């Protein structure tokens, strides 16, 4: 009886192993994840997760520097990248055919995998500038991150909404931080999961002031941009900044092309959402990379492989998001 049971178990294991091997037969040999500029959270999160995927799933994965979410969603739509990191505002614009990079093209091949974290909007200046609010940026030289990125898309609009006319320029996070230190710009307005590495480095090297939006500015922005949500950057997030910073934020999601094999989409989603301790080691913002935040996606269909994962967790994905 024992021998028969053992044989049966071995046979079952062989079938499972064979099925797993067959399941991976349509997986790509490598995956590129669209991130953003160096010095930003997307770059750290995306490259860290790519390394984790390579290690855990056995598929060679790399993060690639891009202009950020606006570019990432189009790179995934066109199939240039199989996977990308996006904020939901630019993703919705692209879904509706209103992307700045591909106007008129409805991005209907993108699929949601898992929620990442919220992206708050924040400004850093040198204390010697005397600038303490967005309203003080009128007439100032302000870098808003890379063109096509989330901050580059929204900060100019935010400033218009609060009646500020600034001299806007575009640069990657690391470059913008260097320009601020060198006096080439007056302020660096950005958006990324906190703590933003470029901001943290500035706080360690320079006497800086950071802020979000005043109560009146926040009200104006929320009225003009319904996709935004109120957010508070907690005191102590950065060294020397022992005060809360009210602002606004957008949710981020990892997305894939609809052609990604279902089994791969399932394993990627499971890897991110079943191992939060490891994800937080990649970046602190991953504390929000939780299955329960699936509902922060209100328009984009989830990939069938991701749907399988959520349903195994007892989460019912509405038909409108399948």
C-alpha atoms as a PDB file:
ATOM      1  CA  UNK A   1       0.000   0.000   0.000  1.00  0.00           C
ATOM      2  CA  UNK A   2       2.830   2.376   0.957  1.00  0.00           C
ATOM      3  CA  UNK A   3       4.627   1.686  -2.329  1.00  0.00           C
ATOM      4  CA  UNK A   4       1.432   2.297  -4.324  1.00  0.00           C
ATOM      5  CA  UNK A   5       0.773   5.519  -2.422  1.00  0.00           C
ATOM      6  CA  UNK A   6       4.353   6.652  -2.957  1.00  0.00           C
ATOM      7  CA  UNK A   7       4.149   5.809  -6.644  1.00  0.00           C
ATOM      8  CA  UNK A   8       0.907   7.717  -6.952  1.00  0.00           C
ATOM      9  CA  UNK A   9       2.411  10.712  -5.206  1.00  0.00           C
ATOM     10  CA  UNK A  10       5.464  10.635  -7.453  1.00  0.00           C
ATOM     11  CA  UNK A  11       3.248  10.367 -10.519  1.00  0.00           C
ATOM     12  CA  UNK A  12       1.193  13.322  -9.327  1.00  0.00           C
ATOM     13  CA  UNK A  13       4.359  15.304  -8.700  1.00  0.00           C
ATOM     14  CA  UNK A  14       5.638  14.423 -12.161  1.00  0.00           C
ATOM     15  CA  UNK A  15       2.380  15.583 -13.726  1.00  0.00           C
ATOM     16  CA  UNK A  16       2.497  18.829 -11.744  1.00  0.00           C
ATOM     17  CA  UNK A  17       6.128  19.405 -12.705  1.00  0.00           C
ATOM     18  CA  UNK A  18       5.392  18.657 -16.356  1.00  0.00           C
ATOM     19  CA  UNK A  19       2.358  20.942 -16.284  1.00  0.00           C
ATOM     20  CA  UNK A  20       4.479  23.696 -14.776  1.00  0.00           C
ATOM     21  CA  UNK A  21       7.102  23.250 -17.484  1.00  0.00           C
ATOM     22  CA  UNK A  22       4.420  23.331 -20.172  1.00  0.00           C
ATOM     23  CA  UNK A  23       2.877  26.357 -18.495  1.00  0.00           C
ATOM     24  CA  UNK A  24       6.128  28.275 -18.954  1.00  0.00           C
ATOM     25  CA  UNK A  25       6.675  27.205 -22.534  1.00  0.00           C
ATOM     26  CA  UNK A  26       5.108  30.388 -23.881  1.00  0.00           C
ATOM     27  CA  UNK A  27       6.952  32.704 -21.478  1.00  0.00           C
ATOM     28  CA  UNK A  28       9.318  35.228 -23.094  1.00  0.00           C
ATOM     29  CA  UNK A  29      13.043  34.785 -22.544  1.00  0.00           C
ATOM     30  CA  UNK A  30      13.276  38.306 -21.123  1.00  0.00           C
ATOM     31  CA  UNK A  31      11.041  41.100 -19.841  1.00  0.00           C
ATOM     32  CA  UNK A  32      11.653  44.836 -19.907  1.00  0.00           C
ATOM     33  CA  UNK A  33       9.821  46.964 -17.340  1.00  0.00           C
ATOM     34  CA  UNK A  34       9.361  50.650 -18.163  1.00  0.00           C
ATOM     35  CA  UNK A  35      10.292  52.726 -15.093  1.00  0.00           C
ATOM     36  CA  UNK A  36      11.298  56.437 -15.121  1.00  0.00           C
ATOM     37  CA  UNK A  37      14.338  58.653 -14.523  1.00  0.00           C
ATOM     38  CA  UNK A  38      17.168  57.781 -12.137  1.00  0.00           C
ATOM     39  CA  UNK A  39      16.668  59.297  -8.706  1.00  0.00           C
ATOM     40  CA  UNK A  40      12.932  58.635  -8.735  1.00  0.00           C
ATOM     41  CA  UNK A  41      10.907  55.941  -6.983  1.00  0.00           C
ATOM     42  CA  UNK A  42       9.843  54.197 -10.210  1.00  0.00           C
ATOM     43  CA  UNK A  43      13.497  53.568 -11.064  1.00  0.00           C
ATOM     44  CA  UNK A  44      14.188  51.988  -7.661  1.00  0.00           C
ATOM     45  CA  UNK A  45      10.898  50.066  -7.452  1.00  0.00           C
ATOM     46  CA  UNK A  46      10.987  48.843 -11.067  1.00  0.00           C
ATOM     47  CA  UNK A  47      14.607  47.726 -11.092  1.00  0.00           C
ATOM     48  CA  UNK A  48      14.254  46.116  -7.672  1.00  0.00           C
ATOM     49  CA  UNK A  49      11.173  44.183  -8.732  1.00  0.00           C
ATOM     50  CA  UNK A  50      12.815  43.190 -12.022  1.00  0.00           C
ATOM     51  CA  UNK A  51      15.679  41.661 -10.042  1.00  0.00           C
ATOM     52  CA  UNK A  52      13.198  39.858  -7.801  1.00  0.00           C
ATOM     53  CA  UNK A  53      11.372  38.476 -10.852  1.00  0.00           C
ATOM     54  CA  UNK A  54      14.635  37.212 -12.340  1.00  0.00           C
ATOM     55  CA  UNK A  55      15.511  35.514  -9.079  1.00  0.00           C
ATOM     56  CA  UNK A  56      12.113  34.015  -8.254  1.00  0.00           C
ATOM     57  CA  UNK A  57      10.583  33.303 -11.658  1.00  0.00           C
ATOM     58  CA  UNK A  58      13.686  32.479 -13.669  1.00  0.00           C
ATOM     59  CA  UNK A  59      12.943  34.938 -16.457  1.00  0.00           C
ATOM     60  CA  UNK A  60      15.561  37.580 -17.230  1.00  0.00           C
ATOM     61  CA  UNK A  61      13.944  40.892 -16.236  1.00  0.00           C
ATOM     62  CA  UNK A  62      15.336  44.410 -16.353  1.00  0.00           C
ATOM     63  CA  UNK A  63      14.056  47.897 -15.616  1.00  0.00           C
ATOM     64  CA  UNK A  64      14.581  50.539 -18.280  1.00  0.00           C
ATOM     65  CA  UNK A  65      14.940  54.286 -17.801  1.00  0.00           C
ATOM     66  CA  UNK A  66      12.035  56.081 -19.528  1.00  0.00           C
ATOM     67  CA  UNK A  67      10.193  59.375 -19.393  1.00  0.00           C
ATOM     68  CA  UNK A  68       7.775  57.854 -16.883  1.00  0.00           C
ATOM     69  CA  UNK A  69       4.120  56.768 -16.893  1.00  0.00           C
ATOM     70  CA  UNK A  70       2.986  58.662 -19.999  1.00  0.00           C
ATOM     71  CA  UNK A  71       5.683  56.951 -22.046  1.00  0.00           C
ATOM     72  CA  UNK A  72       5.385  53.617 -20.243  1.00  0.00           C
ATOM     73  CA  UNK A  73       1.714  53.138 -21.033  1.00  0.00           C
ATOM     74  CA  UNK A  74       2.375  53.711 -24.744  1.00  0.00           C
ATOM     75  CA  UNK A  75       5.433  51.424 -24.728  1.00  0.00           C
ATOM     76  CA  UNK A  76       3.241  48.659 -23.311  1.00  0.00           C
ATOM     77  CA  UNK A  77       0.374  49.403 -25.721  1.00  0.00           C
ATOM     78  CA  UNK A  78       2.695  49.156 -28.739  1.00  0.00           C
ATOM     79  CA  UNK A  79       4.354  46.009 -27.411  1.00  0.00           C
ATOM     80  CA  UNK A  80       7.799  47.599 -27.099  1.00  0.00           C
ATOM     81  CA  UNK A  81       7.690  46.703 -23.409  1.00  0.00           C
ATOM     82  CA  UNK A  82       5.753  43.759 -22.014  1.00  0.00           C
ATOM     83  CA  UNK A  83       5.353  45.475 -18.652  1.00  0.00           C
ATOM     84  CA  UNK A  84       5.384  49.016 -17.281  1.00  0.00           C
ATOM     85  CA  UNK A  85       4.712  51.158 -14.216  1.00  0.00           C
ATOM     86  CA  UNK A  86       1.995  53.810 -14.547  1.00  0.00           C
ATOM     87  CA  UNK A  87      -0.001  56.317 -12.558  1.00  0.00           C
ATOM     88  CA  UNK A  88      -3.710  56.051 -13.123  1.00  0.00           C
ATOM     89  CA  UNK A  89      -4.214  59.615 -14.413  1.00  0.00           C
ATOM     90  CA  UNK A  90      -1.942  59.271 -17.459  1.00  0.00           C
ATOM     91  CA  UNK A  91      -3.119  55.672 -17.940  1.00  0.00           C
ATOM     92  CA  UNK A  92      -6.753  56.809 -18.087  1.00  0.00           C
ATOM     93  CA  UNK A  93      -5.896  59.570 -20.560  1.00  0.00           C
ATOM     94  CA  UNK A  94      -4.141  56.997 -22.770  1.00  0.00           C
ATOM     95  CA  UNK A  95      -7.049  54.542 -22.424  1.00  0.00           C
ATOM     96  CA  UNK A  96      -9.360  57.265 -23.742  1.00  0.00           C
ATOM     97  CA  UNK A  97      -7.051  58.181 -26.627  1.00  0.00           C
ATOM     98  CA  UNK A  98      -5.845  61.423 -25.039  1.00  0.00           C
ATOM     99  CA  UNK A  99      -2.190  60.570 -24.485  1.00  0.00           C
ATOM    100  CA  UNK A 100       0.245  63.385 -25.250  1.00  0.00           C
ATOM    101  CA  UNK A 101       2.557  60.874 -26.935  1.00  0.00           C
ATOM    102  CA  UNK A 102      -0.057  59.108 -29.050  1.00  0.00           C
ATOM    103  CA  UNK A 103      -3.090  61.409 -29.368  1.00  0.00           C
ATOM    104  CA  UNK A 104      -6.128  59.678 -30.835  1.00  0.00           C
ATOM    105  CA  UNK A 105      -4.842  56.166 -30.066  1.00  0.00           C
ATOM    106  CA  UNK A 106      -7.055  54.428 -27.530  1.00  0.00           C
ATOM    107  CA  UNK A 107      -4.706  52.246 -25.501  1.00  0.00           C
ATOM    108  CA  UNK A 108      -6.936  49.172 -25.249  1.00  0.00           C
ATOM    109  CA  UNK A 109      -4.199  46.497 -25.035  1.00  0.00           C
ATOM    110  CA  UNK A 110      -3.065  47.489 -21.547  1.00  0.00           C
ATOM    111  CA  UNK A 111      -4.013  45.278 -18.594  1.00  0.00           C
ATOM    112  CA  UNK A 112      -3.666  45.867 -14.856  1.00  0.00           C
ATOM    113  CA  UNK A 113      -1.549  43.487 -12.780  1.00  0.00           C
ATOM    114  CA  UNK A 114      -1.229  44.840  -9.248  1.00  0.00           C
ATOM    115  CA  UNK A 115      -1.491  48.082  -7.216  1.00  0.00           C
ATOM    116  CA  UNK A 116       1.828  49.637  -6.257  1.00  0.00           C
ATOM    117  CA  UNK A 117       1.460  52.732  -4.074  1.00  0.00           C
ATOM    118  CA  UNK A 118       0.295  56.322  -4.106  1.00  0.00           C
ATOM    119  CA  UNK A 119       2.332  59.054  -5.778  1.00  0.00           C
ATOM    120  CA  UNK A 120       2.174  62.351  -3.871  1.00  0.00           C
ATOM    121  CA  UNK A 121       3.224  65.659  -5.422  1.00  0.00           C
ATOM    122  CA  UNK A 122       5.996  67.496  -3.581  1.00  0.00           C
ATOM    123  CA  UNK A 123       8.367  70.450  -4.024  1.00  0.00           C
ATOM    124  CA  UNK A 124      11.902  70.948  -2.716  1.00  0.00           C
ATOM    125  CA  UNK A 125      13.785  74.278  -2.607  1.00  0.00           C
ATOM    126  CA  UNK A 126      16.924  75.614  -0.961  1.00  0.00           C
ATOM    127  CA  UNK A 127      16.028  77.330   2.305  1.00  0.00           C
ATOM    128  CA  UNK A 128      18.025  80.368   1.211  1.00  0.00           C
ATOM    129  CA  UNK A 129      15.483  80.952  -1.602  1.00  0.00           C
ATOM    130  CA  UNK A 130      12.786  82.014   0.844  1.00  0.00           C
ATOM    131  CA  UNK A 131      10.221  79.961  -1.096  1.00  0.00           C
ATOM    132  CA  UNK A 132       7.721  78.172   1.136  1.00  0.00           C
ATOM    133  CA  UNK A 133       4.690  77.399  -1.067  1.00  0.00           C
ATOM    134  CA  UNK A 134       3.593  76.714  -4.638  1.00  0.00           C
ATOM    135  CA  UNK A 135       2.161  80.229  -4.792  1.00  0.00           C
ATOM    136  CA  UNK A 136       5.707  81.548  -4.231  1.00  0.00           C
ATOM    137  CA  UNK A 137       6.819  79.910  -7.495  1.00  0.00           C
ATOM    138  CA  UNK A 138       5.320  82.654  -9.641  1.00  0.00           C
ATOM    139  CA  UNK A 139       8.047  83.824 -12.039  1.00  0.00           C
ATOM    140  CA  UNK A 140      10.533  81.265 -10.663  1.00  0.00           C
ATOM    141  CA  UNK A 141      12.566  78.646 -12.521  1.00  0.00           C
ATOM    142  CA  UNK A 142      10.935  75.293 -11.752  1.00  0.00           C
ATOM    143  CA  UNK A 143      11.965  71.837 -12.964  1.00  0.00           C
ATOM    144  CA  UNK A 144       9.025  69.430 -13.058  1.00  0.00           C
ATOM    145  CA  UNK A 145      10.798  66.162 -13.852  1.00  0.00           C
ATOM    146  CA  UNK A 146      11.029  64.550 -17.291  1.00  0.00           C
ATOM    147  CA  UNK A 147       8.669  65.593 -20.081  1.00  0.00           C
ATOM    148  CA  UNK A 148       5.884  63.025 -20.335  1.00  0.00           C
ATOM    149  CA  UNK A 149       6.247  61.880 -16.740  1.00  0.00           C
ATOM    150  CA  UNK A 150       3.542  62.261 -14.105  1.00  0.00           C
ATOM    151  CA  UNK A 151       5.029  65.406 -12.498  1.00  0.00           C
ATOM    152  CA  UNK A 152       5.901  66.879 -15.895  1.00  0.00           C
ATOM    153  CA  UNK A 153       2.309  66.378 -16.984  1.00  0.00           C
ATOM    154  CA  UNK A 154       0.516  67.630 -13.903  1.00  0.00           C
ATOM    155  CA  UNK A 155       2.690  70.216 -12.130  1.00  0.00           C
ATOM    156  CA  UNK A 156       2.348  72.837 -14.907  1.00  0.00           C
ATOM    157  CA  UNK A 157      -1.426  72.301 -14.800  1.00  0.00           C
ATOM    158  CA  UNK A 158      -1.479  72.505 -11.001  1.00  0.00           C
ATOM    159  CA  UNK A 159       0.405  75.806 -11.096  1.00  0.00           C
ATOM    160  CA  UNK A 160      -2.044  77.184 -13.645  1.00  0.00           C
ATOM    161  CA  UNK A 161      -4.936  76.062 -11.415  1.00  0.00           C
ATOM    162  CA  UNK A 162      -3.580  78.091  -8.492  1.00  0.00           C
ATOM    163  CA  UNK A 163      -2.691  81.118 -10.632  1.00  0.00           C
ATOM    164  CA  UNK A 164       1.078  80.611 -10.795  1.00  0.00           C
ATOM    165  CA  UNK A 165       3.061  81.398 -13.944  1.00  0.00           C
ATOM    166  CA  UNK A 166       6.488  79.775 -13.554  1.00  0.00           C
ATOM    167  CA  UNK A 167       9.383  79.265 -15.929  1.00  0.00           C
ATOM    168  CA  UNK A 168       9.048  75.491 -16.318  1.00  0.00           C
ATOM    169  CA  UNK A 169      11.836  73.153 -17.437  1.00  0.00           C
ATOM    170  CA  UNK A 170      12.108  69.371 -17.723  1.00  0.00           C
ATOM    171  CA  UNK A 171      14.809  66.998 -16.461  1.00  0.00           C
ATOM    172  CA  UNK A 172      15.252  63.634 -14.793  1.00  0.00           C
ATOM    173  CA  UNK A 173      15.119  63.562 -11.007  1.00  0.00           C
ATOM    174  CA  UNK A 174      18.876  63.237 -10.469  1.00  0.00           C
ATOM    175  CA  UNK A 175      19.628  66.008 -12.975  1.00  0.00           C
ATOM    176  CA  UNK A 176      16.994  68.331 -11.495  1.00  0.00           C
ATOM    177  CA  UNK A 177      18.427  67.804  -8.006  1.00  0.00           C
ATOM    178  CA  UNK A 178      21.864  68.746  -9.314  1.00  0.00           C
ATOM    179  CA  UNK A 179      20.458  71.851 -11.009  1.00  0.00           C
ATOM    180  CA  UNK A 180      18.867  72.947  -7.738  1.00  0.00           C
ATOM    181  CA  UNK A 181      22.143  72.563  -5.856  1.00  0.00           C
ATOM    182  CA  UNK A 182      23.996  74.510  -8.568  1.00  0.00           C
ATOM    183  CA  UNK A 183      21.488  77.381  -8.514  1.00  0.00           C
ATOM    184  CA  UNK A 184      20.310  76.752 -12.086  1.00  0.00           C
ATOM    185  CA  UNK A 185      16.680  76.417 -10.946  1.00  0.00           C
ATOM    186  CA  UNK A 186      14.750  77.807  -7.990  1.00  0.00           C
ATOM    187  CA  UNK A 187      12.594  74.771  -7.246  1.00  0.00           C
ATOM    188  CA  UNK A 188      12.244  71.097  -8.090  1.00  0.00           C
ATOM    189  CA  UNK A 189       8.595  70.003  -8.235  1.00  0.00           C
ATOM    190  CA  UNK A 190       8.205  66.244  -8.518  1.00  0.00           C
ATOM    191  CA  UNK A 191       5.885  63.314  -7.878  1.00  0.00           C
ATOM    192  CA  UNK A 192       6.944  59.845  -6.738  1.00  0.00           C
ATOM    193  CA  UNK A 193       6.455  57.404  -3.919  1.00  0.00           C
ATOM    194  CA  UNK A 194       7.977  58.777  -0.736  1.00  0.00           C
ATOM    195  CA  UNK A 195      10.652  58.954   0.349  1.00  0.00           C
ATOM    196  CA  UNK A 196      11.879  60.201  -3.047  1.00  0.00           C
ATOM    197  CA  UNK A 197      15.547  59.234  -3.207  1.00  0.00           C
ATOM    198  CA  UNK A 198      16.614  62.461  -4.943  1.00  0.00           C
ATOM    199  CA  UNK A 199      14.840  64.513  -2.247  1.00  0.00           C
ATOM    200  CA  UNK A 200      16.377  62.433   0.547  1.00  0.00           C
ATOM    201  CA  UNK A 201      19.851  62.998  -0.891  1.00  0.00           C
ATOM    202  CA  UNK A 202      19.223  66.741  -1.124  1.00  0.00           C
ATOM    203  CA  UNK A 203      18.022  66.799   2.484  1.00  0.00           C
ATOM    204  CA  UNK A 204      21.235  65.078   3.549  1.00  0.00           C
ATOM    205  CA  UNK A 205      23.510  67.417   1.585  1.00  0.00           C
ATOM    206  CA  UNK A 206      21.794  70.820   1.643  1.00  0.00           C
ATOM    207  CA  UNK A 207      19.619  73.011   3.862  1.00  0.00           C
ATOM    208  CA  UNK A 208      16.322  72.514   2.022  1.00  0.00           C
ATOM    209  CA  UNK A 209      12.619  73.106   2.542  1.00  0.00           C
ATOM    210  CA  UNK A 210       9.983  70.708   1.236  1.00  0.00           C
ATOM    211  CA  UNK A 211       6.266  71.344   0.850  1.00  0.00           C
ATOM    212  CA  UNK A 212       3.140  70.145  -0.904  1.00  0.00           C
ATOM    213  CA  UNK A 213       0.040  72.316  -1.255  1.00  0.00           C
ATOM    214  CA  UNK A 214      -1.516  74.778   1.167  1.00  0.00           C
ATOM    215  CA  UNK A 215      -5.145  74.214   2.129  1.00  0.00           C
ATOM    216  CA  UNK A 216      -6.374  76.703  -0.480  1.00  0.00           C
ATOM    217  CA  UNK A 217      -4.044  75.356  -3.175  1.00  0.00           C
ATOM    218  CA  UNK A 218      -5.128  71.793  -2.434  1.00  0.00           C
ATOM    219  CA  UNK A 219      -8.799  72.741  -2.748  1.00  0.00           C
ATOM    220  CA  UNK A 220      -8.186  74.377  -6.138  1.00  0.00           C
ATOM    221  CA  UNK A 221      -6.254  71.372  -7.446  1.00  0.00           C
ATOM    222  CA  UNK A 222      -8.812  68.828  -6.228  1.00  0.00           C
ATOM    223  CA  UNK A 223     -11.606  70.786  -7.860  1.00  0.00           C
ATOM    224  CA  UNK A 224      -9.751  70.962 -11.181  1.00  0.00           C
ATOM    225  CA  UNK A 225      -8.467  67.354 -11.141  1.00  0.00           C
ATOM    226  CA  UNK A 226     -11.031  64.851  -9.775  1.00  0.00           C
ATOM    227  CA  UNK A 227      -8.619  61.920 -10.321  1.00  0.00           C
ATOM    228  CA  UNK A 228      -6.427  63.284  -7.532  1.00  0.00           C
ATOM    229  CA  UNK A 229      -6.897  62.408  -3.868  1.00  0.00           C
ATOM    230  CA  UNK A 230      -5.845  64.285  -0.705  1.00  0.00           C
ATOM    231  CA  UNK A 231      -2.598  62.995   0.782  1.00  0.00           C
ATOM    232  CA  UNK A 232      -0.341  63.888   3.694  1.00  0.00           C
ATOM    233  CA  UNK A 233       3.418  63.314   3.630  1.00  0.00           C
ATOM    234  CA  UNK A 234       4.081  62.481   7.264  1.00  0.00           C
ATOM    235  CA  UNK A 235       6.510  64.398   9.441  1.00  0.00           C
ATOM    236  CA  UNK A 236       9.859  62.626   9.643  1.00  0.00           C
ATOM    237  CA  UNK A 237       9.677  61.147   6.149  1.00  0.00           C
ATOM    238  CA  UNK A 238      12.846  63.126   5.393  1.00  0.00           C
ATOM    239  CA  UNK A 239      15.672  64.065   7.738  1.00  0.00           C
ATOM    240  CA  UNK A 240      15.132  67.489   9.273  1.00  0.00           C
ATOM    241  CA  UNK A 241      11.520  67.756   8.147  1.00  0.00           C
ATOM    242  CA  UNK A 242       9.426  67.303  11.274  1.00  0.00           C
ATOM    243  CA  UNK A 243       6.172  68.651   9.865  1.00  0.00           C
ATOM    244  CA  UNK A 244       3.289  67.124   7.919  1.00  0.00           C
ATOM    245  CA  UNK A 245       2.983  68.194   4.282  1.00  0.00           C
ATOM    246  CA  UNK A 246      -0.560  68.183   2.850  1.00  0.00           C
ATOM    247  CA  UNK A 247      -0.714  67.611  -0.900  1.00  0.00           C
ATOM    248  CA  UNK A 248      -2.494  65.433  -3.496  1.00  0.00           C
ATOM    249  CA  UNK A 249      -1.645  62.001  -4.903  1.00  0.00           C
ATOM    250  CA  UNK A 250      -2.396  59.462  -7.639  1.00  0.00           C
ATOM    251  CA  UNK A 251      -2.333  55.655  -7.414  1.00  0.00           C
ATOM    252  CA  UNK A 252       0.231  53.630  -9.353  1.00  0.00           C
ATOM    253  CA  UNK A 253      -0.255  50.215 -10.948  1.00  0.00           C
ATOM    254  CA  UNK A 254       1.983  47.709 -12.662  1.00  0.00           C
ATOM    255  CA  UNK A 255       0.521  46.919 -16.064  1.00  0.00           C
ATOM    256  CA  UNK A 256       1.176  44.445 -18.850  1.00  0.00           C
ATOM    257  CA  UNK A 257       0.270  43.976 -22.481  1.00  0.00           C
ATOM    258  CA  UNK A 258      -2.769  41.779 -23.045  1.00  0.00           C
ATOM    259  CA  UNK A 259      -0.498  39.323 -24.908  1.00  0.00           C
ATOM    260  CA  UNK A 260       1.429  38.452 -21.735  1.00  0.00           C
ATOM    261  CA  UNK A 261       0.850  34.712 -21.065  1.00  0.00           C
ATOM    262  CA  UNK A 262      -1.795  34.190 -18.389  1.00  0.00           C
ATOM    263  CA  UNK A 263       0.479  31.997 -16.280  1.00  0.00           C
ATOM    264  CA  UNK A 264       3.210  34.638 -16.286  1.00  0.00           C
ATOM    265  CA  UNK A 265       0.791  37.426 -15.339  1.00  0.00           C
ATOM    266  CA  UNK A 266      -0.468  35.203 -12.508  1.00  0.00           C
ATOM    267  CA  UNK A 267       3.018  34.481 -11.177  1.00  0.00           C
ATOM    268  CA  UNK A 268       4.104  38.146 -11.372  1.00  0.00           C
ATOM    269  CA  UNK A 269       0.988  39.297  -9.518  1.00  0.00           C
ATOM    270  CA  UNK A 270       1.382  36.564  -6.913  1.00  0.00           C
ATOM    271  CA  UNK A 271       5.058  37.396  -6.431  1.00  0.00           C
ATOM    272  CA  UNK A 272       4.316  41.070  -5.743  1.00  0.00           C
ATOM    273  CA  UNK A 273       1.275  40.599  -3.515  1.00  0.00           C
ATOM    274  CA  UNK A 274       2.216  37.474  -1.540  1.00  0.00           C
ATOM    275  CA  UNK A 275       5.612  38.754  -0.421  1.00  0.00           C
ATOM    276  CA  UNK A 276       5.120  42.214   1.049  1.00  0.00           C
ATOM    277  CA  UNK A 277       8.077  41.964   3.426  1.00  0.00           C
ATOM    278  CA  UNK A 278      10.395  41.415   0.473  1.00  0.00           C
ATOM    279  CA  UNK A 279       8.704  44.148  -1.559  1.00  0.00           C
ATOM    280  CA  UNK A 280       9.210  46.668   1.263  1.00  0.00           C
ATOM    281  CA  UNK A 281      12.920  45.826   1.131  1.00  0.00           C
ATOM    282  CA  UNK A 282      12.872  47.075  -2.466  1.00  0.00           C
ATOM    283  CA  UNK A 283      11.196  50.357  -1.486  1.00  0.00           C
ATOM    284  CA  UNK A 284       9.239  51.543   1.554  1.00  0.00           C
ATOM    285  CA  UNK A 285       6.273  52.547  -0.620  1.00  0.00           C
ATOM    286  CA  UNK A 286       5.603  48.845  -1.171  1.00  0.00           C
ATOM    287  CA  UNK A 287       3.781  48.846   2.155  1.00  0.00           C
ATOM    288  CA  UNK A 288       0.808  49.768  -0.071  1.00  0.00           C
ATOM    289  CA  UNK A 289       1.483  46.982  -2.600  1.00  0.00           C
ATOM    290  CA  UNK A 290      -1.403  44.934  -1.254  1.00  0.00           C
ATOM    291  CA  UNK A 291      -4.160  42.896  -2.887  1.00  0.00           C
ATOM    292  CA  UNK A 292      -6.799  44.878  -0.983  1.00  0.00           C
ATOM    293  CA  UNK A 293      -5.893  47.960  -3.020  1.00  0.00           C
ATOM    294  CA  UNK A 294      -7.012  46.363  -6.283  1.00  0.00           C
ATOM    295  CA  UNK A 295     -10.087  48.624  -6.229  1.00  0.00           C
ATOM    296  CA  UNK A 296      -7.958  51.731  -6.808  1.00  0.00           C
ATOM    297  CA  UNK A 297      -8.172  50.724 -10.480  1.00  0.00           C
ATOM    298  CA  UNK A 298     -11.566  51.861 -11.745  1.00  0.00           C
ATOM    299  CA  UNK A 299     -11.305  51.566 -15.546  1.00  0.00           C
ATOM    300  CA  UNK A 300      -8.557  49.251 -16.821  1.00  0.00           C
ATOM    301  CA  UNK A 301      -9.307  45.534 -17.289  1.00  0.00           C
ATOM    302  CA  UNK A 302      -7.183  43.271 -15.131  1.00  0.00           C
ATOM    303  CA  UNK A 303      -5.104  40.693 -16.964  1.00  0.00           C
ATOM    304  CA  UNK A 304      -6.806  37.253 -16.822  1.00  0.00           C
ATOM    305  CA  UNK A 305      -3.777  35.873 -14.997  1.00  0.00           C
ATOM    306  CA  UNK A 306      -4.110  38.589 -12.359  1.00  0.00           C
ATOM    307  CA  UNK A 307      -7.864  37.916 -12.082  1.00  0.00           C
ATOM    308  CA  UNK A 308      -7.076  34.272 -11.318  1.00  0.00           C
ATOM    309  CA  UNK A 309      -4.812  35.353  -8.453  1.00  0.00           C
ATOM    310  CA  UNK A 310      -7.348  37.757  -6.943  1.00  0.00           C
ATOM    311  CA  UNK A 311     -10.140  35.195  -7.143  1.00  0.00           C
ATOM    312  CA  UNK A 312      -7.940  32.645  -5.366  1.00  0.00           C
ATOM    313  CA  UNK A 313      -7.637  35.257  -2.603  1.00  0.00           C
ATOM    314  CA  UNK A 314     -11.416  35.561  -2.375  1.00  0.00           C
ATOM    315  CA  UNK A 315     -11.552  38.890  -4.228  1.00  0.00           C
ATOM    316  CA  UNK A 316     -14.291  39.229  -6.829  1.00  0.00           C
ATOM    317  CA  UNK A 317     -13.192  41.394  -9.747  1.00  0.00           C
ATOM    318  CA  UNK A 318     -16.232  43.090 -11.345  1.00  0.00           C
ATOM    319  CA  UNK A 319     -17.079  42.036 -14.902  1.00  0.00           C
ATOM    320  CA  UNK A 320     -16.435  45.625 -16.000  1.00  0.00           C
ATOM    321  CA  UNK A 321     -12.769  45.138 -15.061  1.00  0.00           C
ATOM    322  CA  UNK A 322     -12.206  41.811 -16.792  1.00  0.00           C
END
